[in-house]
Amino acid sequence: MKIRKIVATAVLIAALNPYGSIVKAELYGSLIRTDNTWRFSKIATDESGPVVSLSNKKPVNYSLGEYPCSSVLWGPNGGGQCHENGLQFRETRIRVILTALHNLVGPIALMPLLCGFITHKTSYFDHEKFDKAVDSACKLDNVEKLLSTYDLYIKHIDSKKQEYDNLTKGRLSNLYDKYNKAEQEYVKSIKVSYVINDLTGFWPSTTLPEPELRFTPAKLDLITVKLDGNFKVSESPSQFAEKVKSLKAKFDAEAGEKIAAIDGMVRDYERSLIAKACKLNLPSSKNVLKDGFDIRCDYSAKDGSATPELTAKYTIKSRNWHDVFPKFTNKDENIEVNFDGKDIKFSNKTNKFLEVSSISVYYNSEVFNVGEGNRFELPPETQKVFNSNLLLQASNIAKEARYIGVNQQNSINREFSFGFAVKYRSVDQNIDKTLYKVDRFNLFRTLSEIEKRS
């Protein structure tokens, strides 16, 4: 007898069976029909083709709709497929409609000319046949027992994985917590000392440098380990149990090796934590500009002791100065000029009115007239004050009053010149008089006086 095989696929998932277990993973069975008997050709974990859920024995991914598949006019069915290739359990429902054609013109209109019929065919899914096929295959191949076998295999793997987790995760986590806490305590115990080397002579002795000391403790990694099992199976029902048995034996061998190696793995992990932890990453050396000071920052550490020490060495290389004006005084019998570095004060020492017509400032080789077009009178025995901003209006004077990269070595023997020239007259005389003087000043002493004034 010729054997006709039609292949379908059934999914076996979450099936409660007489052996008292619930399948946790999906299995799929391929149905095969030999003569009138339905059985499974294989049971696998991968899905292929239409499937049936054995939890409720309902078809999944089958074509369940009903649709016309052919119709024939004038005579018997001419043939044609009323089901989709490769899909099973579809039947054909036939409906025949008698018809008559009439002569619609001429004297014998409305009389039947010819009689015939139309055949309508409809394809539909036969649920009854499907259910019987699934029941037959499950019984003949003892599917529920195979599901139970696979379920026990999954539970065995889960149990071993839980055992492995219990033996590893807690120990690894405790080691991480131990050394992480030790590292935090180590960082808190670090003593920081400062060494200040001031090359300028102007660094405030009571003030530490502003730049922050930055260091990053080594990062500890919490490792995770896991035990994996192979759940993939694709075998005939007769070989399925043996395949699961061999997978279980292989898994047990690998799991045994991993469990036996746990102590060594934990020791290696602890060594890696010891190697990483409690190590200072020193900040990089750098130059910092703070409040006009050019500061070189270098760092060193004394490690390996119970109390680690970090030394920050700050070399105050130089300082930038702006608006450097010395104290200055000049006078004659009529007028006196006093400059305290900020304000210029003119004093009339007489009992007569004085008229100031010109004020010139001398800074090294630069001269700036601040009084031209700004004539003013000084009543007897009075004073008039101008702010030093008046001097800074001249770019050449502001430039001369700026000193960049100054330290004690390059400023202690350095001098600059500064002074005023004032043209004035008494109101009862028609004679212009001049008060003029330019003095030499030591740059370091002048900067020291400015620092004291601030």
Protein backbone atom coordinates (compact mmCIF):
# COMPACT_ATOMS: atom_id res chain seq x y z
CA MET A 1 0.00 0.00 0.00
CA LYS A 2 1.32 3.41 -0.85
CA ILE A 3 1.91 5.51 2.25
CA ARG A 4 0.78 9.11 2.05
CA LYS A 5 2.41 11.42 4.59
CA ILE A 6 1.06 14.81 5.49
CA VAL A 7 3.19 16.82 7.93
CA ALA A 8 1.86 19.29 10.44
CA THR A 9 3.25 20.74 13.65
CA ALA A 10 1.81 20.85 17.11
CA VAL A 11 3.08 23.01 19.94
CA LEU A 12 3.27 21.41 23.33
CA ILE A 13 3.36 24.10 25.96
CA ALA A 14 2.44 24.47 29.60
CA ALA A 15 0.58 21.15 29.61
CA LEU A 16 -0.58 19.89 32.98
CA ASN A 17 -0.07 16.11 32.86
CA PRO A 18 -0.80 13.05 35.04
CA TYR A 19 2.79 13.03 36.30
CA GLY A 20 2.10 16.13 38.35
CA SER A 21 4.40 18.68 36.65
CA ILE A 22 3.86 21.78 34.60
CA VAL A 23 6.05 22.23 31.56
CA LYS A 24 8.04 25.47 31.84
CA ALA A 25 9.38 25.66 28.31
CA GLU A 26 7.70 25.34 24.95
CA LEU A 27 7.99 22.13 22.99
CA TYR A 28 6.70 21.52 19.49
CA GLY A 29 5.61 18.26 17.91
CA SER A 30 5.46 17.61 14.17
CA LEU A 31 2.41 15.52 13.25
CA ILE A 32 2.68 12.87 10.57
CA ARG A 33 -0.14 10.73 9.11
CA THR A 34 0.51 7.23 7.88
CA ASP A 35 -2.62 5.76 6.35
CA ASN A 36 -5.28 6.77 8.85
CA THR A 37 -3.03 7.05 11.92
CA TRP A 38 -1.74 10.36 13.30
CA ARG A 39 1.52 10.35 15.27
CA PHE A 40 4.42 12.70 16.01
CA SER A 41 7.46 12.47 13.77
CA LYS A 42 9.56 14.57 16.18
CA ILE A 43 9.35 16.71 19.27
CA ALA A 44 11.49 19.83 19.32
CA THR A 45 12.02 23.12 21.07
CA ASP A 46 11.98 25.14 17.87
CA GLU A 47 8.74 26.01 16.09
CA SER A 48 8.16 25.22 12.45
CA GLY A 49 4.86 25.39 10.58
CA PRO A 50 1.32 25.39 12.00
CA VAL A 51 1.11 24.38 15.67
CA VAL A 52 -1.38 23.20 18.25
CA SER A 53 -1.34 24.13 21.89
CA LEU A 54 -1.65 21.01 24.01
CA SER A 55 -2.65 23.03 27.05
CA ASN A 56 -6.06 23.55 25.48
CA LYS A 57 -5.69 21.46 22.28
CA LYS A 58 -6.61 24.43 20.12
CA PRO A 59 -5.05 25.06 16.69
CA VAL A 60 -2.52 27.87 16.47
CA ASN A 61 -1.28 29.39 13.23
CA TYR A 62 -3.62 27.22 11.17
CA SER A 63 -5.83 28.77 8.54
CA LEU A 64 -9.17 28.72 10.32
CA GLY A 65 -11.22 30.90 8.00
CA GLU A 66 -13.90 29.80 5.55
CA TYR A 67 -13.64 30.99 1.94
CA PRO A 68 -14.86 30.11 -1.59
CA CYS A 69 -12.35 27.94 -3.38
CA SER A 70 -14.01 27.37 -6.80
CA SER A 71 -17.25 27.60 -8.74
CA VAL A 72 -18.21 25.92 -12.00
CA LEU A 73 -20.80 27.12 -14.52
CA TRP A 74 -22.75 24.69 -16.74
CA GLY A 75 -22.07 21.24 -15.59
CA PRO A 76 -20.11 19.29 -13.05
CA ASN A 77 -17.10 20.65 -11.13
CA GLY A 78 -14.12 21.04 -13.36
CA GLY A 79 -11.65 20.38 -10.50
CA GLY A 80 -9.22 22.72 -8.68
CA GLN A 81 -7.69 22.82 -5.17
CA CYS A 82 -9.95 23.80 -2.33
CA HIS A 83 -7.24 23.73 0.34
CA GLU A 84 -3.79 25.35 0.76
CA ASN A 85 -0.75 23.22 0.03
CA GLY A 86 0.87 21.93 3.19
CA LEU A 87 -2.07 22.76 5.45
CA GLN A 88 -4.29 19.98 6.82
CA PHE A 89 -7.74 19.50 8.26
CA ARG A 90 -9.47 21.59 5.59
CA GLU A 91 -12.65 20.19 4.00
CA THR A 92 -14.83 21.38 1.13
CA ARG A 93 -18.50 22.25 1.37
CA ILE A 94 -20.45 22.07 -1.98
CA ARG A 95 -23.62 23.99 -2.90
CA VAL A 96 -25.41 23.52 -6.27
CA ILE A 97 -27.72 26.22 -7.74
CA LEU A 98 -30.02 25.38 -10.67
CA THR A 99 -30.29 28.11 -13.36
CA ALA A 100 -32.21 28.87 -16.58
CA LEU A 101 -31.32 31.16 -19.45
CA HIS A 102 -34.15 32.93 -21.34
CA ASN A 103 -34.53 34.36 -24.78
CA LEU A 104 -34.90 38.00 -23.96
CA VAL A 105 -35.83 39.19 -27.44
CA GLY A 106 -38.17 38.17 -30.21
CA PRO A 107 -41.64 36.76 -30.22
CA ILE A 108 -40.90 33.98 -27.83
CA ALA A 109 -39.37 36.18 -25.19
CA LEU A 110 -39.62 35.06 -21.56
CA MET A 111 -39.60 31.40 -22.51
CA PRO A 112 -36.78 29.27 -21.09
CA LEU A 113 -34.09 28.69 -23.65
CA LEU A 114 -31.67 26.46 -21.77
CA CYS A 115 -31.42 25.02 -18.24
CA GLY A 116 -28.25 24.36 -16.16
CA PHE A 117 -26.64 24.70 -12.69
CA ILE A 118 -23.75 26.47 -10.90
CA THR A 119 -21.53 24.62 -8.36
CA HIS A 120 -20.15 26.71 -5.40
CA LYS A 121 -17.34 25.22 -3.29
CA THR A 122 -16.24 26.55 0.10
CA SER A 123 -13.10 25.54 2.03
CA TYR A 124 -13.31 25.35 5.83
CA PHE A 125 -11.23 24.07 8.77
CA ASP A 126 -12.50 20.79 10.24
CA HIS A 127 -12.07 21.19 13.99
CA GLU A 128 -13.47 17.75 14.73
CA LYS A 129 -10.87 15.95 12.62
CA PHE A 130 -8.11 18.14 14.06
CA ASP A 131 -9.09 17.32 17.64
CA LYS A 132 -9.20 13.58 16.91
CA ALA A 133 -5.76 13.71 15.25
CA VAL A 134 -4.20 15.54 18.23
CA ASP A 135 -5.76 13.13 20.74
CA SER A 136 -4.55 10.12 18.77
CA ALA A 137 -0.97 11.36 18.42
CA CYS A 138 -0.71 12.30 22.11
CA LYS A 139 -1.89 8.84 23.22
CA LEU A 140 0.14 6.73 20.76
CA ASP A 141 3.39 8.60 21.45
CA ASN A 142 2.78 8.98 25.20
CA VAL A 143 3.35 12.73 24.88
CA GLU A 144 2.36 13.58 28.43
CA LYS A 145 5.13 11.36 29.79
CA LEU A 146 7.66 13.00 27.46
CA LEU A 147 6.49 16.42 28.61
CA SER A 148 6.95 15.33 32.21
CA THR A 149 10.46 14.07 31.40
CA TYR A 150 11.40 17.39 29.86
CA ASP A 151 9.79 19.28 32.70
CA LEU A 152 11.86 17.34 35.25
CA TYR A 153 14.98 18.13 33.21
CA ILE A 154 14.20 21.86 33.36
CA LYS A 155 13.55 21.68 37.07
CA HIS A 156 16.84 19.82 37.56
CA ILE A 157 18.75 22.56 35.72
CA ASP A 158 16.99 25.28 37.71
CA SER A 159 17.85 23.48 40.93
CA LYS A 160 21.53 23.22 39.99
CA LYS A 161 21.62 26.84 38.90
CA GLN A 162 20.12 27.88 42.24
CA GLU A 163 22.70 25.76 44.05
CA TYR A 164 25.48 27.41 42.05
CA ASP A 165 24.08 30.88 42.73
CA ASN A 166 23.89 30.14 46.45
CA LEU A 167 27.53 29.01 46.48
CA THR A 168 28.87 31.96 44.47
CA LYS A 169 26.82 35.15 44.47
CA GLY A 170 26.76 35.61 48.22
CA ARG A 171 30.50 35.03 48.60
CA LEU A 172 31.38 37.30 45.67
CA SER A 173 29.00 40.01 46.86
CA ASN A 174 30.35 39.85 50.42
CA LEU A 175 33.92 40.18 49.15
CA TYR A 176 32.95 43.17 47.04
CA ASP A 177 31.20 44.85 49.97
CA LYS A 178 34.16 44.13 52.25
CA TYR A 179 36.78 45.69 49.98
CA ASN A 180 34.53 48.49 48.81
CA LYS A 181 33.95 49.51 52.42
CA ALA A 182 37.66 49.18 53.18
CA GLU A 183 38.44 51.44 50.24
CA GLN A 184 35.97 54.08 51.39
CA GLU A 185 37.52 54.02 54.86
CA TYR A 186 40.94 54.25 53.26
CA VAL A 187 39.97 57.35 51.30
CA LYS A 188 38.55 58.97 54.44
CA SER A 189 41.79 58.31 56.32
CA ILE A 190 44.01 60.06 53.78
CA LYS A 191 45.96 62.93 55.33
CA VAL A 192 46.64 65.85 53.04
CA SER A 193 49.57 68.15 53.71
CA TYR A 194 50.59 71.26 51.83
CA VAL A 195 54.03 72.54 50.92
CA ILE A 196 54.04 76.14 49.77
CA ASN A 197 57.04 77.51 47.90
CA ASP A 198 56.31 81.19 47.34
CA LEU A 199 58.65 82.74 44.78
CA THR A 200 56.72 86.00 44.70
CA GLY A 201 56.89 87.08 48.33
CA PHE A 202 53.23 88.06 48.19
CA TRP A 203 51.34 84.83 48.89
CA PRO A 204 49.09 85.24 51.96
CA SER A 205 50.63 83.02 54.64
CA THR A 206 47.27 82.20 56.21
CA THR A 207 45.57 81.18 52.96
CA LEU A 208 45.88 77.77 51.29
CA PRO A 209 45.64 77.48 47.51
CA GLU A 210 42.14 77.26 46.12
CA PRO A 211 42.63 74.53 43.48
CA GLU A 212 41.02 71.33 44.67
CA LEU A 213 42.97 68.15 45.13
CA ARG A 214 41.30 65.57 42.95
CA PHE A 215 41.98 61.87 43.10
CA THR A 216 39.92 58.91 42.05
CA PRO A 217 40.05 55.67 44.00
CA ALA A 218 40.28 52.55 41.85
CA LYS A 219 36.88 51.22 40.81
CA LEU A 220 35.97 47.79 42.11
CA ASP A 221 33.93 45.53 39.83
CA LEU A 222 31.32 43.12 41.15
CA ILE A 223 31.57 40.05 38.93
CA THR A 224 28.61 37.81 38.21
CA VAL A 225 28.72 34.14 37.26
CA LYS A 226 26.01 31.85 36.00
CA LEU A 227 25.39 28.25 35.11
CA ASP A 228 23.74 27.66 31.73
CA GLY A 229 21.85 24.59 30.53
CA ASN A 230 21.04 23.46 27.00
CA PHE A 231 17.27 23.32 26.53
CA LYS A 232 17.27 22.68 22.78
CA VAL A 233 15.90 19.29 21.74
CA SER A 234 14.75 17.89 18.38
CA GLU A 235 14.14 14.15 18.40
CA SER A 236 11.56 11.52 17.53
CA PRO A 237 9.28 10.53 20.41
CA SER A 238 11.15 7.23 20.82
CA GLN A 239 14.50 9.01 21.15
CA PHE A 240 13.31 12.11 23.00
CA ALA A 241 13.77 10.71 26.52
CA GLU A 242 17.27 9.41 25.69
CA LYS A 243 18.24 12.80 24.25
CA VAL A 244 17.06 14.59 27.40
CA LYS A 245 18.94 12.04 29.49
CA SER A 246 22.19 12.68 27.58
CA LEU A 247 21.74 16.46 27.89
CA LYS A 248 21.24 16.06 31.62
CA ALA A 249 24.40 13.94 31.95
CA LYS A 250 26.44 16.51 30.01
CA PHE A 251 25.01 19.37 32.06
CA ASP A 252 25.73 17.58 35.36
CA ALA A 253 29.36 16.99 34.32
CA GLU A 254 29.89 20.66 33.41
CA ALA A 255 28.05 21.86 36.51
CA GLY A 256 30.16 19.56 38.69
CA GLU A 257 33.36 21.04 37.27
CA LYS A 258 32.14 24.59 37.84
CA ILE A 259 30.99 23.91 41.38
CA ALA A 260 34.33 22.25 42.17
CA ALA A 261 36.15 25.35 40.86
CA ILE A 262 34.18 27.83 42.99
CA ASP A 263 36.77 28.15 45.78
CA GLY A 264 39.54 28.89 43.31
CA MET A 265 37.39 31.43 41.47
CA VAL A 266 36.57 33.22 44.73
CA ARG A 267 40.25 33.34 45.67
CA ASP A 268 41.15 34.80 42.27
CA TYR A 269 38.42 37.40 42.61
CA GLU A 270 39.68 38.43 46.04
CA ARG A 271 43.22 38.78 44.67
CA SER A 272 41.90 41.05 41.91
CA LEU A 273 40.11 43.23 44.47
CA ILE A 274 43.25 43.49 46.58
CA ALA A 275 45.25 44.48 43.52
CA LYS A 276 42.75 47.18 42.56
CA ALA A 277 41.68 48.55 45.93
CA CYS A 278 43.39 51.04 48.19
CA LYS A 279 45.42 52.67 45.45
CA LEU A 280 45.54 56.42 45.03
CA ASN A 281 45.39 57.87 41.58
CA LEU A 282 47.37 61.09 41.99
CA PRO A 283 46.10 64.26 40.33
CA SER A 284 48.14 65.31 37.35
CA SER A 285 50.61 68.12 37.77
CA LYS A 286 49.25 71.35 36.37
CA ASN A 287 49.48 75.14 36.35
CA VAL A 288 46.65 77.11 37.91
CA LEU A 289 45.99 80.85 37.68
CA LYS A 290 44.34 82.03 40.89
CA ASP A 291 43.81 85.65 41.95
CA GLY A 292 46.59 86.71 39.59
CA PHE A 293 49.01 84.09 40.94
CA ASP A 294 50.59 81.56 38.58
CA ILE A 295 50.73 78.37 40.64
CA ARG A 296 52.43 75.09 39.79
CA CYS A 297 50.65 72.15 41.44
CA ASP A 298 52.56 68.90 42.00
CA TYR A 299 51.44 65.91 44.04
CA SER A 300 53.13 63.01 45.76
CA ALA A 301 51.86 60.22 47.99
CA LYS A 302 53.22 58.09 50.77
CA ASP A 303 51.28 54.88 50.53
CA GLY A 304 51.37 51.42 52.02
CA SER A 305 50.87 52.54 55.60
CA ALA A 306 47.82 52.44 57.81
CA THR A 307 47.41 56.16 57.28
CA PRO A 308 48.17 57.20 53.67
CA GLU A 309 49.55 60.67 53.12
CA LEU A 310 49.07 62.91 50.13
CA THR A 311 51.35 65.91 49.73
CA ALA A 312 50.34 68.86 47.59
CA LYS A 313 53.28 71.02 46.66
CA TYR A 314 52.34 74.46 45.43
CA THR A 315 55.00 76.58 43.78
CA ILE A 316 53.83 80.20 43.58
CA LYS A 317 55.81 81.05 40.47
CA SER A 318 54.71 84.62 39.79
CA ARG A 319 51.91 87.12 40.05
CA ASN A 320 50.29 89.48 37.58
CA TRP A 321 49.73 93.05 38.78
CA HIS A 322 47.49 95.78 37.38
CA ASP A 323 47.12 99.48 38.30
CA VAL A 324 50.46 99.66 40.09
CA PHE A 325 50.77 103.22 41.44
CA PRO A 326 53.11 104.26 44.25
CA LYS A 327 52.47 106.75 47.00
CA PHE A 328 53.65 110.20 45.91
CA THR A 329 53.91 113.67 47.52
CA ASN A 330 55.13 117.06 46.24
CA LYS A 331 54.51 120.61 47.43
CA ASP A 332 55.65 124.23 47.38
CA GLU A 333 54.60 127.28 49.36
CA ASN A 334 51.20 127.47 47.60
CA ILE A 335 49.98 123.99 46.62
CA GLU A 336 50.49 120.40 47.67
CA VAL A 337 49.84 117.18 45.72
CA ASN A 338 49.29 113.89 47.56
CA PHE A 339 48.69 110.56 45.82
CA ASP A 340 48.05 107.44 47.91
CA GLY A 341 47.86 105.08 44.92
CA LYS A 342 44.10 105.51 44.63
CA ASP A 343 43.18 109.16 45.02
CA ILE A 344 44.94 112.33 43.86
CA LYS A 345 44.44 115.18 46.35
CA PHE A 346 45.23 118.84 45.59
CA SER A 347 45.49 121.19 48.61
CA ASN A 348 45.54 125.03 48.59
CA LYS A 349 47.90 126.09 51.36
CA THR A 350 47.23 129.84 50.90
CA ASN A 351 44.44 132.28 51.81
CA LYS A 352 43.94 133.13 48.14
CA PHE A 353 42.22 131.43 45.27
CA LEU A 354 44.36 129.17 43.09
CA GLU A 355 43.50 128.13 39.58
CA VAL A 356 44.87 124.77 38.29
CA SER A 357 45.02 124.75 34.52
CA SER A 358 46.98 121.54 33.75
CA ILE A 359 47.89 118.23 35.42
CA SER A 360 50.35 115.79 33.81
CA VAL A 361 51.21 112.30 35.03
CA TYR A 362 54.65 110.78 34.34
CA TYR A 363 55.07 106.99 34.31
CA ASN A 364 58.49 105.92 33.05
CA SER A 365 58.72 107.45 29.57
CA GLU A 366 54.97 108.01 29.22
CA VAL A 367 53.19 111.31 29.95
CA PHE A 368 49.47 111.90 30.19
CA ASN A 369 47.77 115.24 30.70
CA VAL A 370 44.72 114.72 32.92
CA GLY A 371 43.87 118.35 33.54
CA GLU A 372 43.76 119.77 30.03
CA GLY A 373 40.28 121.10 29.38
CA ASN A 374 39.40 120.44 33.00
CA ARG A 375 40.51 123.66 34.74
CA PHE A 376 39.35 124.08 38.27
CA GLU A 377 39.71 126.55 41.13
CA LEU A 378 40.88 125.84 44.65
CA PRO A 379 39.43 128.19 47.23
CA PRO A 380 41.77 129.21 50.07
CA GLU A 381 42.78 126.36 52.36
CA THR A 382 40.63 123.73 50.57
CA GLN A 383 41.22 120.41 48.83
CA LYS A 384 40.03 118.69 45.66
CA VAL A 385 40.23 114.92 45.11
CA PHE A 386 40.39 112.92 41.88
CA ASN A 387 40.15 109.12 41.68
CA SER A 388 43.02 107.19 40.07
CA ASN A 389 40.59 106.02 37.38
CA LEU A 390 41.35 109.35 35.81
CA LEU A 391 44.90 108.10 35.19
CA LEU A 392 43.73 104.83 33.66
CA GLN A 393 41.86 106.67 30.93
CA ALA A 394 45.18 106.88 29.14
CA SER A 395 46.04 103.53 27.57
CA ASN A 396 49.76 104.26 27.69
CA ILE A 397 49.66 104.92 31.46
CA ALA A 398 47.48 101.82 32.09
CA LYS A 399 49.95 99.74 30.10
CA GLU A 400 52.92 101.05 32.10
CA ALA A 401 51.07 100.29 35.34
CA ARG A 402 50.66 96.61 34.39
CA TYR A 403 53.29 94.04 35.41
CA ILE A 404 53.01 90.42 34.25
CA GLY A 405 54.90 87.44 35.69
CA VAL A 406 56.38 89.25 38.64
CA ASN A 407 58.26 87.41 41.38
CA GLN A 408 60.70 88.45 44.05
CA GLN A 409 63.77 87.68 42.01
CA ASN A 410 62.83 89.79 38.99
CA SER A 411 61.35 92.71 40.94
CA ILE A 412 63.57 93.28 44.00
CA ASN A 413 66.15 95.28 42.01
CA ARG A 414 63.74 96.69 39.44
CA GLU A 415 62.77 100.38 39.45
CA PHE A 416 60.26 102.59 37.70
CA SER A 417 59.65 106.37 37.63
CA PHE A 418 56.45 108.15 38.58
CA GLY A 419 55.47 111.78 39.24
CA PHE A 420 53.22 114.76 38.55
CA ALA A 421 53.55 118.18 36.93
CA VAL A 422 50.95 120.80 37.91
CA LYS A 423 50.52 124.20 36.26
CA TYR A 424 48.65 126.75 38.40
CA ARG A 425 48.42 130.46 39.21
CA SER A 426 47.15 132.70 41.98
CA VAL A 427 44.11 134.76 41.05
CA ASP A 428 45.81 138.03 42.13
CA GLN A 429 48.81 137.33 39.93
CA ASN A 430 49.01 136.85 36.22
CA ILE A 431 51.96 134.46 36.36
CA ASP A 432 51.78 130.66 35.75
CA LYS A 433 53.72 128.54 38.18
CA THR A 434 54.75 124.87 37.98
CA LEU A 435 54.92 122.19 40.66
CA TYR A 436 56.91 119.27 39.19
CA LYS A 437 58.69 116.19 40.50
CA VAL A 438 59.36 112.64 39.25
CA ASP A 439 60.70 110.05 41.71
CA ARG A 440 62.27 106.62 41.30
CA PHE A 441 60.52 103.70 43.02
CA ASN A 442 61.57 100.13 43.76
CA LEU A 443 59.03 97.76 42.20
CA PHE A 444 59.16 95.06 44.92
CA ARG A 445 58.76 97.58 47.78
CA THR A 446 55.93 99.31 45.93
CA LEU A 447 54.11 96.03 45.35
CA SER A 448 54.61 95.12 49.01
CA GLU A 449 53.04 98.41 50.09
CA ILE A 450 50.11 97.86 47.74
CA GLU A 451 49.63 94.36 49.17
CA LYS A 452 49.54 95.81 52.69
CA ARG A 453 47.02 98.46 51.67
CA SER A 454 44.71 95.77 50.25
